[in-house]
Amino acid sequence: MKSTRWYWAVAMAIWASVVIILLYLTTIKTLTEFDPKQQLVTQAASSSFDQDFKARIQQYAPQLNNTVVHFSQSQCNCNKAAEEHINSVKLLA
């Protein structure tokens, strides 16, 4: 009876370890910092950031009234995670 309990305890410990390792490999390992060099934070602290940002966006979309700007990076896992949110924003826009 004790050996059966010991067997199940070991099996559960191995299973839990495998699950934790797989979670790490599939999620935590793929996370990256959004602005690791603090470039956006530094630029956003400037008093002219809003005007500079608007001028840069107007290079690509001259008419900004009722415009939604979405930034993405190819080959980024975040695109798939944000897909539902992006679609809901598109519907609202």
PDB file of N, CA and C in Angstrom:
ATOM      1  N   MET A   1       0.824  -1.186   0.000  1.00  0.00           N
ATOM      2  CA  MET A   1       0.000   0.000   0.000  1.00  0.00           C
ATOM      3  C   MET A   1       0.870   1.253   0.000  1.00  0.00           C
ATOM      4  N   LYS A   2       1.934   1.255   0.854  1.00  0.00           N
ATOM      5  CA  LYS A   2       2.805   2.411   0.911  1.00  0.00           C
ATOM      6  C   LYS A   2       3.557   2.605  -0.404  1.00  0.00           C
ATOM      7  N   SER A   3       3.941   1.510  -1.054  1.00  0.00           N
ATOM      8  CA  SER A   3       4.684   1.628  -2.309  1.00  0.00           C
ATOM      9  C   SER A   3       3.804   2.221  -3.411  1.00  0.00           C
ATOM     10  N   THR A   4       2.492   1.932  -3.381  1.00  0.00           N
ATOM     11  CA  THR A   4       1.579   2.507  -4.358  1.00  0.00           C
ATOM     12  C   THR A   4       1.460   4.016  -4.151  1.00  0.00           C
ATOM     13  N   ARG A   5       1.348   4.449  -2.922  1.00  0.00           N
ATOM     14  CA  ARG A   5       1.282   5.891  -2.621  1.00  0.00           C
ATOM     15  C   ARG A   5       2.574   6.582  -3.030  1.00  0.00           C
ATOM     16  N   TRP A   6       3.695   5.927  -2.729  1.00  0.00           N
ATOM     17  CA  TRP A   6       4.987   6.495  -3.083  1.00  0.00           C
ATOM     18  C   TRP A   6       5.104   6.614  -4.599  1.00  0.00           C
ATOM     19  N   TYR A   7       4.647   5.592  -5.325  1.00  0.00           N
ATOM     20  CA  TYR A   7       4.680   5.601  -6.785  1.00  0.00           C
ATOM     21  C   TYR A   7       3.865   6.774  -7.330  1.00  0.00           C
ATOM     22  N   TRP A   8       2.674   6.982  -6.820  1.00  0.00           N
ATOM     23  CA  TRP A   8       1.822   8.074  -7.297  1.00  0.00           C
ATOM     24  C   TRP A   8       2.392   9.435  -6.926  1.00  0.00           C
ATOM     25  N   ALA A   9       3.013   9.531  -5.767  1.00  0.00           N
ATOM     26  CA  ALA A   9       3.629  10.795  -5.353  1.00  0.00           C
ATOM     27  C   ALA A   9       4.782  11.155  -6.284  1.00  0.00           C
ATOM     28  N   VAL A  10       5.591  10.173  -6.630  1.00  0.00           N
ATOM     29  CA  VAL A  10       6.703  10.401  -7.554  1.00  0.00           C
ATOM     30  C   VAL A  10       6.163  10.741  -8.946  1.00  0.00           C
ATOM     31  N   ALA A  11       5.148  10.022  -9.390  1.00  0.00           N
ATOM     32  CA  ALA A  11       4.560  10.277 -10.702  1.00  0.00           C
ATOM     33  C   ALA A  11       3.984  11.691 -10.774  1.00  0.00           C
ATOM     34  N   MET A  12       3.305  12.133  -9.734  1.00  0.00           N
ATOM     35  CA  MET A  12       2.735  13.480  -9.706  1.00  0.00           C
ATOM     36  C   MET A  12       3.836  14.540  -9.674  1.00  0.00           C
ATOM     37  N   ALA A  13       4.908  14.281  -8.952  1.00  0.00           N
ATOM     38  CA  ALA A  13       6.028  15.231  -8.899  1.00  0.00           C
ATOM     39  C   ALA A  13       6.687  15.357 -10.271  1.00  0.00           C
ATOM     40  N   ILE A  14       6.855  14.253 -10.949  1.00  0.00           N
ATOM     41  CA  ILE A  14       7.435  14.281 -12.296  1.00  0.00           C
ATOM     42  C   ILE A  14       6.494  15.020 -13.250  1.00  0.00           C
ATOM     43  N   TRP A  15       5.201  14.712 -13.178  1.00  0.00           N
ATOM     44  CA  TRP A  15       4.225  15.371 -14.040  1.00  0.00           C
ATOM     45  C   TRP A  15       4.223  16.885 -13.802  1.00  0.00           C
ATOM     46  N   ALA A  16       4.214  17.303 -12.549  1.00  0.00           N
ATOM     47  CA  ALA A  16       4.210  18.736 -12.223  1.00  0.00           C
ATOM     48  C   ALA A  16       5.484  19.401 -12.742  1.00  0.00           C
ATOM     49  N   SER A  17       6.600  18.732 -12.617  1.00  0.00           N
ATOM     50  CA  SER A  17       7.867  19.278 -13.118  1.00  0.00           C
ATOM     51  C   SER A  17       7.834  19.456 -14.628  1.00  0.00           C
ATOM     52  N   VAL A  18       7.304  18.474 -15.331  1.00  0.00           N
ATOM     53  CA  VAL A  18       7.208  18.556 -16.790  1.00  0.00           C
ATOM     54  C   VAL A  18       6.278  19.699 -17.199  1.00  0.00           C
ATOM     55  N   VAL A  19       5.164  19.841 -16.525  1.00  0.00           N
ATOM     56  CA  VAL A  19       4.224  20.921 -16.837  1.00  0.00           C
ATOM     57  C   VAL A  19       4.881  22.282 -16.617  1.00  0.00           C
ATOM     58  N   ILE A  20       5.577  22.447 -15.522  1.00  0.00           N
ATOM     59  CA  ILE A  20       6.247  23.722 -15.236  1.00  0.00           C
ATOM     60  C   ILE A  20       7.319  24.020 -16.284  1.00  0.00           C
ATOM     61  N   ILE A  21       8.084  23.027 -16.660  1.00  0.00           N
ATOM     62  CA  ILE A  21       9.117  23.224 -17.682  1.00  0.00           C
ATOM     63  C   ILE A  21       8.486  23.602 -19.021  1.00  0.00           C
ATOM     64  N   LEU A  22       7.410  22.930 -19.403  1.00  0.00           N
ATOM     65  CA  LEU A  22       6.739  23.252 -20.665  1.00  0.00           C
ATOM     66  C   LEU A  22       6.139  24.652 -20.641  1.00  0.00           C
ATOM     67  N   LEU A  23       5.568  25.050 -19.523  1.00  0.00           N
ATOM     68  CA  LEU A  23       5.049  26.410 -19.399  1.00  0.00           C
ATOM     69  C   LEU A  23       6.162  27.433 -19.558  1.00  0.00           C
ATOM     70  N   TYR A  24       7.285  27.164 -18.949  1.00  0.00           N
ATOM     71  CA  TYR A  24       8.429  28.060 -19.074  1.00  0.00           C
ATOM     72  C   TYR A  24       8.875  28.165 -20.527  1.00  0.00           C
ATOM     73  N   LEU A  25       9.006  27.028 -21.184  1.00  0.00           N
ATOM     74  CA  LEU A  25       9.500  27.028 -22.562  1.00  0.00           C
ATOM     75  C   LEU A  25       8.532  27.687 -23.541  1.00  0.00           C
ATOM     76  N   THR A  26       7.233  27.585 -23.285  1.00  0.00           N
ATOM     77  CA  THR A  26       6.258  28.118 -24.237  1.00  0.00           C
ATOM     78  C   THR A  26       5.806  29.535 -23.937  1.00  0.00           C
ATOM     79  N   THR A  27       5.977  30.014 -22.723  1.00  0.00           N
ATOM     80  CA  THR A  27       5.477  31.353 -22.404  1.00  0.00           C
ATOM     81  C   THR A  27       6.558  32.272 -21.864  1.00  0.00           C
ATOM     82  N   ILE A  28       7.064  31.980 -20.731  1.00  0.00           N
ATOM     83  CA  ILE A  28       7.984  32.884 -20.046  1.00  0.00           C
ATOM     84  C   ILE A  28       9.239  33.130 -20.879  1.00  0.00           C
ATOM     85  N   LYS A  29       9.745  32.104 -21.526  1.00  0.00           N
ATOM     86  CA  LYS A  29      10.974  32.241 -22.301  1.00  0.00           C
ATOM     87  C   LYS A  29      10.779  33.156 -23.506  1.00  0.00           C
ATOM     88  N   THR A  30       9.560  33.252 -24.038  1.00  0.00           N
ATOM     89  CA  THR A  30       9.321  34.067 -25.229  1.00  0.00           C
ATOM     90  C   THR A  30       9.002  35.522 -24.896  1.00  0.00           C
ATOM     91  N   LEU A  31       8.820  35.857 -23.629  1.00  0.00           N
ATOM     92  CA  LEU A  31       8.524  37.232 -23.254  1.00  0.00           C
ATOM     93  C   LEU A  31       9.757  38.101 -23.418  1.00  0.00           C
ATOM     94  N   THR A  32       9.531  39.305 -23.925  1.00  0.00           N
ATOM     95  CA  THR A  32      10.621  40.262 -24.040  1.00  0.00           C
ATOM     96  C   THR A  32      10.154  41.597 -23.485  1.00  0.00           C
ATOM     97  N   GLU A  33      11.089  42.396 -23.089  1.00  0.00           N
ATOM     98  CA  GLU A  33      10.767  43.701 -22.552  1.00  0.00           C
ATOM     99  C   GLU A  33      10.332  44.617 -23.693  1.00  0.00           C
ATOM    100  N   PHE A  34       9.307  45.433 -23.462  1.00  0.00           N
ATOM    101  CA  PHE A  34       8.757  46.297 -24.506  1.00  0.00           C
ATOM    102  C   PHE A  34       9.747  47.371 -24.939  1.00  0.00           C
ATOM    103  N   ASP A  35      10.324  48.073 -24.008  1.00  0.00           N
ATOM    104  CA  ASP A  35      11.223  49.186 -24.316  1.00  0.00           C
ATOM    105  C   ASP A  35      12.479  49.040 -23.466  1.00  0.00           C
ATOM    106  N   PRO A  36      13.327  48.055 -23.776  1.00  0.00           N
ATOM    107  CA  PRO A  36      14.447  47.743 -22.884  1.00  0.00           C
ATOM    108  C   PRO A  36      15.452  48.877 -22.708  1.00  0.00           C
ATOM    109  N   LYS A  37      15.619  49.712 -23.712  1.00  0.00           N
ATOM    110  CA  LYS A  37      16.588  50.809 -23.608  1.00  0.00           C
ATOM    111  C   LYS A  37      15.923  52.113 -23.181  1.00  0.00           C
ATOM    112  N   GLN A  38      14.636  52.048 -22.818  1.00  0.00           N
ATOM    113  CA  GLN A  38      13.883  53.209 -22.335  1.00  0.00           C
ATOM    114  C   GLN A  38      13.836  54.350 -23.353  1.00  0.00           C
ATOM    115  N   GLN A  39      13.892  54.005 -24.642  1.00  0.00           N
ATOM    116  CA  GLN A  39      13.871  55.032 -25.682  1.00  0.00           C
ATOM    117  C   GLN A  39      12.522  55.743 -25.739  1.00  0.00           C
ATOM    118  N   LEU A  40      11.437  55.003 -25.669  1.00  0.00           N
ATOM    119  CA  LEU A  40      10.113  55.607 -25.732  1.00  0.00           C
ATOM    120  C   LEU A  40       9.859  56.491 -24.513  1.00  0.00           C
ATOM    121  N   VAL A  41      10.234  56.022 -23.354  1.00  0.00           N
ATOM    122  CA  VAL A  41      10.031  56.801 -22.132  1.00  0.00           C
ATOM    123  C   VAL A  41      10.806  58.114 -22.210  1.00  0.00           C
ATOM    124  N   THR A  42      12.022  58.043 -22.696  1.00  0.00           N
ATOM    125  CA  THR A  42      12.854  59.238 -22.812  1.00  0.00           C
ATOM    126  C   THR A  42      12.237  60.238 -23.782  1.00  0.00           C
ATOM    127  N   GLN A  43      11.795  59.749 -24.940  1.00  0.00           N
ATOM    128  CA  GLN A  43      11.203  60.640 -25.936  1.00  0.00           C
ATOM    129  C   GLN A  43       9.863  61.193 -25.457  1.00  0.00           C
ATOM    130  N   ALA A  44       9.075  60.382 -24.781  1.00  0.00           N
ATOM    131  CA  ALA A  44       7.761  60.813 -24.315  1.00  0.00           C
ATOM    132  C   ALA A  44       7.869  61.890 -23.239  1.00  0.00           C
ATOM    133  N   ALA A  45       9.002  61.981 -22.586  1.00  0.00           N
ATOM    134  CA  ALA A  45       9.195  63.008 -21.567  1.00  0.00           C
ATOM    135  C   ALA A  45       9.358  64.396 -22.178  1.00  0.00           C
ATOM    136  N   SER A  46       9.642  64.450 -23.466  1.00  0.00           N
ATOM    137  CA  SER A  46       9.814  65.732 -24.144  1.00  0.00           C
ATOM    138  C   SER A  46       8.466  66.441 -24.271  1.00  0.00           C
ATOM    139  N   SER A  47       8.475  67.741 -24.099  1.00  0.00           N
ATOM    140  CA  SER A  47       7.224  68.503 -24.192  1.00  0.00           C
ATOM    141  C   SER A  47       6.681  68.551 -25.618  1.00  0.00           C
ATOM    142  N   SER A  48       7.533  68.292 -26.608  1.00  0.00           N
ATOM    143  CA  SER A  48       7.075  68.332 -28.002  1.00  0.00           C
ATOM    144  C   SER A  48       6.762  66.939 -28.557  1.00  0.00           C
ATOM    145  N   PHE A  49       6.719  65.934 -27.676  1.00  0.00           N
ATOM    146  CA  PHE A  49       6.524  64.557 -28.139  1.00  0.00           C
ATOM    147  C   PHE A  49       5.236  64.390 -28.942  1.00  0.00           C
ATOM    148  N   ASP A  50       4.124  64.916 -28.437  1.00  0.00           N
ATOM    149  CA  ASP A  50       2.845  64.738 -29.128  1.00  0.00           C
ATOM    150  C   ASP A  50       2.885  65.330 -30.530  1.00  0.00           C
ATOM    151  N   GLN A  51       3.417  66.523 -30.659  1.00  0.00           N
ATOM    152  CA  GLN A  51       3.479  67.164 -31.967  1.00  0.00           C
ATOM    153  C   GLN A  51       4.443  66.423 -32.895  1.00  0.00           C
ATOM    154  N   ASP A  52       5.580  66.009 -32.370  1.00  0.00           N
ATOM    155  CA  ASP A  52       6.550  65.256 -33.182  1.00  0.00           C
ATOM    156  C   ASP A  52       5.971  63.928 -33.635  1.00  0.00           C
ATOM    157  N   PHE A  53       5.276  63.262 -32.736  1.00  0.00           N
ATOM    158  CA  PHE A  53       4.660  61.971 -33.060  1.00  0.00           C
ATOM    159  C   PHE A  53       3.603  62.142 -34.152  1.00  0.00           C
ATOM    160  N   LYS A  54       2.765  63.150 -34.006  1.00  0.00           N
ATOM    161  CA  LYS A  54       1.715  63.424 -34.987  1.00  0.00           C
ATOM    162  C   LYS A  54       2.329  63.739 -36.352  1.00  0.00           C
ATOM    163  N   ALA A  55       3.381  64.541 -36.371  1.00  0.00           N
ATOM    164  CA  ALA A  55       4.039  64.883 -37.636  1.00  0.00           C
ATOM    165  C   ALA A  55       4.623  63.644 -38.302  1.00  0.00           C
ATOM    166  N   ARG A  56       5.192  62.754 -37.505  1.00  0.00           N
ATOM    167  CA  ARG A  56       5.767  61.533 -38.081  1.00  0.00           C
ATOM    168  C   ARG A  56       4.680  60.626 -38.654  1.00  0.00           C
ATOM    169  N   ILE A  57       3.568  60.490 -37.945  1.00  0.00           N
ATOM    170  CA  ILE A  57       2.465  59.660 -38.425  1.00  0.00           C
ATOM    171  C   ILE A  57       1.851  60.264 -39.680  1.00  0.00           C
ATOM    172  N   GLN A  58       1.781  61.585 -39.757  1.00  0.00           N
ATOM    173  CA  GLN A  58       1.186  62.240 -40.925  1.00  0.00           C
ATOM    174  C   GLN A  58       1.998  62.005 -42.195  1.00  0.00           C
ATOM    175  N   GLN A  59       3.232  61.589 -42.071  1.00  0.00           N
ATOM    176  CA  GLN A  59       4.021  61.226 -43.244  1.00  0.00           C
ATOM    177  C   GLN A  59       3.395  60.020 -43.948  1.00  0.00           C
ATOM    178  N   TYR A  60       2.777  59.135 -43.181  1.00  0.00           N
ATOM    179  CA  TYR A  60       2.190  57.911 -43.729  1.00  0.00           C
ATOM    180  C   TYR A  60       0.692  58.036 -43.946  1.00  0.00           C
ATOM    181  N   ALA A  61       0.030  58.837 -43.136  1.00  0.00           N
ATOM    182  CA  ALA A  61      -1.420  59.035 -43.258  1.00  0.00           C
ATOM    183  C   ALA A  61      -1.687  60.530 -43.086  1.00  0.00           C
ATOM    184  N   PRO A  62      -1.686  61.272 -44.201  1.00  0.00           N
ATOM    185  CA  PRO A  62      -1.805  62.731 -44.103  1.00  0.00           C
ATOM    186  C   PRO A  62      -3.046  63.213 -43.352  1.00  0.00           C
ATOM    187  N   GLN A  63      -4.149  62.531 -43.483  1.00  0.00           N
ATOM    188  CA  GLN A  63      -5.384  62.941 -42.808  1.00  0.00           C
ATOM    189  C   GLN A  63      -5.561  62.071 -41.563  1.00  0.00           C
ATOM    190  N   LEU A  64      -5.419  62.656 -40.382  1.00  0.00           N
ATOM    191  CA  LEU A  64      -5.461  61.868 -39.143  1.00  0.00           C
ATOM    192  C   LEU A  64      -6.814  61.879 -38.446  1.00  0.00           C
ATOM    193  N   ASN A  65      -7.780  62.612 -38.943  1.00  0.00           N
ATOM    194  CA  ASN A  65      -9.090  62.622 -38.294  1.00  0.00           C
ATOM    195  C   ASN A  65      -9.682  61.219 -38.340  1.00  0.00           C
ATOM    196  N   ASN A  66     -10.163  60.759 -37.204  1.00  0.00           N
ATOM    197  CA  ASN A  66     -10.784  59.437 -37.095  1.00  0.00           C
ATOM    198  C   ASN A  66      -9.850  58.322 -37.574  1.00  0.00           C
ATOM    199  N   THR A  67      -8.601  58.406 -37.187  1.00  0.00           N
ATOM    200  CA  THR A  67      -7.604  57.423 -37.601  1.00  0.00           C
ATOM    201  C   THR A  67      -7.108  56.649 -36.392  1.00  0.00           C
ATOM    202  N   VAL A  68      -7.020  55.343 -36.547  1.00  0.00           N
ATOM    203  CA  VAL A  68      -6.445  54.485 -35.511  1.00  0.00           C
ATOM    204  C   VAL A  68      -5.106  54.000 -36.027  1.00  0.00           C
ATOM    205  N   VAL A  69      -4.072  54.170 -35.240  1.00  0.00           N
ATOM    206  CA  VAL A  69      -2.730  53.739 -35.622  1.00  0.00           C
ATOM    207  C   VAL A  69      -2.378  52.504 -34.815  1.00  0.00           C
ATOM    208  N   HIS A  70      -1.985  51.459 -35.518  1.00  0.00           N
ATOM    209  CA  HIS A  70      -1.599  50.213 -34.857  1.00  0.00           C
ATOM    210  C   HIS A  70      -0.169  49.885 -35.255  1.00  0.00           C
ATOM    211  N   PHE A  71       0.680  49.681 -34.263  1.00  0.00           N
ATOM    212  CA  PHE A  71       2.066  49.308 -34.513  1.00  0.00           C
ATOM    213  C   PHE A  71       2.210  47.814 -34.291  1.00  0.00           C
ATOM    214  N   SER A  72       2.953  47.187 -35.169  1.00  0.00           N
ATOM    215  CA  SER A  72       3.225  45.763 -34.994  1.00  0.00           C
ATOM    216  C   SER A  72       4.638  45.474 -35.466  1.00  0.00           C
ATOM    217  N   GLN A  73       5.120  44.336 -35.032  1.00  0.00           N
ATOM    218  CA  GLN A  73       6.448  43.901 -35.430  1.00  0.00           C
ATOM    219  C   GLN A  73       6.302  42.496 -35.994  1.00  0.00           C
ATOM    220  N   SER A  74       6.786  42.300 -37.203  1.00  0.00           N
ATOM    221  CA  SER A  74       6.659  40.984 -37.815  1.00  0.00           C
ATOM    222  C   SER A  74       7.410  39.943 -36.986  1.00  0.00           C
ATOM    223  N   GLN A  75       6.929  38.741 -37.039  1.00  0.00           N
ATOM    224  CA  GLN A  75       7.514  37.609 -36.321  1.00  0.00           C
ATOM    225  C   GLN A  75       7.453  37.756 -34.798  1.00  0.00           C
ATOM    226  N   CYS A  76       6.533  38.571 -34.304  1.00  0.00           N
ATOM    227  CA  CYS A  76       6.404  38.748 -32.855  1.00  0.00           C
ATOM    228  C   CYS A  76       5.192  37.956 -32.353  1.00  0.00           C
ATOM    229  N   ASN A  77       5.381  37.221 -31.272  1.00  0.00           N
ATOM    230  CA  ASN A  77       4.283  36.440 -30.694  1.00  0.00           C
ATOM    231  C   ASN A  77       3.160  37.330 -30.191  1.00  0.00           C
ATOM    232  N   CYS A  78       3.479  38.579 -29.900  1.00  0.00           N
ATOM    233  CA  CYS A  78       2.470  39.487 -29.356  1.00  0.00           C
ATOM    234  C   CYS A  78       1.363  39.778 -30.373  1.00  0.00           C
ATOM    235  N   ASN A  79       1.663  39.674 -31.662  1.00  0.00           N
ATOM    236  CA  ASN A  79       0.648  39.918 -32.685  1.00  0.00           C
ATOM    237  C   ASN A  79      -0.511  38.944 -32.544  1.00  0.00           C
ATOM    238  N   LYS A  80      -0.207  37.688 -32.332  1.00  0.00           N
ATOM    239  CA  LYS A  80      -1.253  36.684 -32.187  1.00  0.00           C
ATOM    240  C   LYS A  80      -2.043  36.905 -30.893  1.00  0.00           C
ATOM    241  N   ALA A  81      -1.338  37.268 -29.837  1.00  0.00           N
ATOM    242  CA  ALA A  81      -2.005  37.496 -28.555  1.00  0.00           C
ATOM    243  C   ALA A  81      -2.923  38.717 -28.610  1.00  0.00           C
ATOM    244  N   ALA A  82      -2.558  39.717 -29.404  1.00  0.00           N
ATOM    245  CA  ALA A  82      -3.329  40.963 -29.471  1.00  0.00           C
ATOM    246  C   ALA A  82      -4.373  40.952 -30.582  1.00  0.00           C
ATOM    247  N   GLU A  83      -4.459  39.876 -31.340  1.00  0.00           N
ATOM    248  CA  GLU A  83      -5.345  39.815 -32.508  1.00  0.00           C
ATOM    249  C   GLU A  83      -6.802  40.135 -32.164  1.00  0.00           C
ATOM    250  N   GLU A  84      -7.320  39.580 -31.093  1.00  0.00           N
ATOM    251  CA  GLU A  84      -8.713  39.821 -30.710  1.00  0.00           C
ATOM    252  C   GLU A  84      -8.937  41.300 -30.369  1.00  0.00           C
ATOM    253  N   HIS A  85      -7.994  41.881 -29.638  1.00  0.00           N
ATOM    254  CA  HIS A  85      -8.101  43.301 -29.284  1.00  0.00           C
ATOM    255  C   HIS A  85      -8.025  44.186 -30.535  1.00  0.00           C
ATOM    256  N   ILE A  86      -7.125  43.866 -31.422  1.00  0.00           N
ATOM    257  CA  ILE A  86      -6.972  44.654 -32.659  1.00  0.00           C
ATOM    258  C   ILE A  86      -8.249  44.599 -33.470  1.00  0.00           C
ATOM    259  N   ASN A  87      -8.848  43.430 -33.581  1.00  0.00           N
ATOM    260  CA  ASN A  87     -10.101  43.283 -34.340  1.00  0.00           C
ATOM    261  C   ASN A  87     -11.231  44.064 -33.694  1.00  0.00           C
ATOM    262  N   SER A  88     -11.285  44.074 -32.360  1.00  0.00           N
ATOM    263  CA  SER A  88     -12.352  44.825 -31.693  1.00  0.00           C
ATOM    264  C   SER A  88     -12.169  46.329 -31.891  1.00  0.00           C
ATOM    265  N   VAL A  89     -10.936  46.804 -31.899  1.00  0.00           N
ATOM    266  CA  VAL A  89     -10.670  48.221 -32.148  1.00  0.00           C
ATOM    267  C   VAL A  89     -11.053  48.568 -33.590  1.00  0.00           C
ATOM    268  N   LYS A  90     -10.735  47.677 -34.521  1.00  0.00           N
ATOM    269  CA  LYS A  90     -11.105  47.922 -35.926  1.00  0.00           C
ATOM    270  C   LYS A  90     -12.618  48.036 -36.069  1.00  0.00           C
ATOM    271  N   LEU A  91     -13.340  47.208 -35.373  1.00  0.00           N
ATOM    272  CA  LEU A  91     -14.805  47.278 -35.444  1.00  0.00           C
ATOM    273  C   LEU A  91     -15.322  48.597 -34.882  1.00  0.00           C
ATOM    274  N   LEU A  92     -14.725  49.061 -33.802  1.00  0.00           N
ATOM    275  CA  LEU A  92     -15.142  50.327 -33.211  1.00  0.00           C
ATOM    276  C   LEU A  92     -14.769  51.516 -34.103  1.00  0.00           C
ATOM    277  N   ALA A  93     -13.654  51.402 -34.783  1.00  0.00           N
ATOM    278  CA  ALA A  93     -13.194  52.493 -35.641  1.00  0.00           C
ATOM    279  C   ALA A  93     -13.995  52.494 -36.928  1.00  0.00           C
TER     280      ALA A  93
END
